[in-house]
Amino acid sequence: MERYVEDHQKRRLTEHVDIMTAIDILKSQGYDHDELIAELTKVFFVDLDAYNEVVVAA
């Protein structure tokens, strides 16, 4: 997912369902677990506590 987004343009990912949807999309594009957070933070401001809760629950 080669994109560059200015920080002031980034959307916030705070809801579990939104984080899970983003993770599912990245996994469907072939990203592995170790690459997910790096790719997500390129495009979104991610609530890391919520992200960790989603990952642990999955």
Protein backbone atom coordinates (compact mmCIF):
# COMPACT_ATOMS: atom_id res chain seq x y z
CA MET A 1 0.00 0.00 0.00
CA GLU A 2 2.38 2.69 -1.24
CA ARG A 3 0.64 5.91 -0.26
CA TYR A 4 1.80 9.06 1.37
CA VAL A 5 -0.77 11.08 3.26
CA GLU A 6 -0.09 14.35 5.02
CA ASP A 7 -0.60 14.03 8.77
CA HIS A 8 -3.33 16.66 8.80
CA GLN A 9 -5.29 14.58 6.24
CA LYS A 10 -5.21 11.32 8.16
CA ARG A 11 -8.44 9.87 9.47
CA ARG A 12 -8.55 8.47 13.00
CA LEU A 13 -9.08 4.75 13.50
CA THR A 14 -10.49 4.31 17.00
CA GLU A 15 -13.47 1.97 16.62
CA HIS A 16 -12.78 -1.76 16.81
CA VAL A 17 -14.94 -2.50 13.78
CA ASP A 18 -13.03 0.06 11.67
CA ILE A 19 -9.67 -1.31 12.77
CA MET A 20 -10.77 -4.88 12.03
CA THR A 21 -12.02 -3.85 8.59
CA ALA A 22 -8.70 -2.18 7.79
CA ILE A 23 -6.81 -5.26 9.00
CA ASP A 24 -9.00 -7.55 6.88
CA ILE A 25 -8.39 -5.41 3.79
CA LEU A 26 -4.62 -5.43 4.30
CA LYS A 27 -4.58 -9.20 4.90
CA SER A 28 -6.59 -9.74 1.71
CA GLN A 29 -3.89 -7.77 -0.12
CA GLY A 30 -1.20 -10.11 1.20
CA TYR A 31 0.23 -8.20 4.15
CA ASP A 32 1.33 -10.34 7.07
CA HIS A 33 0.82 -9.67 10.78
CA ASP A 34 4.17 -7.92 11.22
CA GLU A 35 3.43 -5.38 8.47
CA LEU A 36 -0.11 -4.43 9.52
CA ILE A 37 0.53 -1.65 12.03
CA ALA A 38 3.21 -0.06 9.86
CA GLU A 39 0.85 0.07 6.88
CA LEU A 40 -2.10 1.29 8.95
CA THR A 41 -0.13 4.15 10.47
CA LYS A 42 0.92 5.35 7.02
CA VAL A 43 -2.70 6.15 6.24
CA PHE A 44 -4.45 6.56 9.62
CA PHE A 45 -3.94 7.79 13.14
CA VAL A 46 -4.51 4.47 14.95
CA ASP A 47 -5.62 4.12 18.57
CA LEU A 48 -2.93 1.63 19.58
CA ASP A 49 -4.82 0.40 22.64
CA ALA A 50 -7.84 -0.40 20.48
CA TYR A 51 -5.57 -1.98 17.84
CA ASN A 52 -3.98 -4.25 20.46
CA GLU A 53 -7.41 -5.24 21.81
CA VAL A 54 -8.53 -6.21 18.29
CA VAL A 55 -5.35 -8.19 17.61
CA VAL A 56 -5.56 -10.05 20.94
CA ALA A 57 -9.24 -10.86 20.37
CA ALA A 58 -8.59 -12.18 16.86
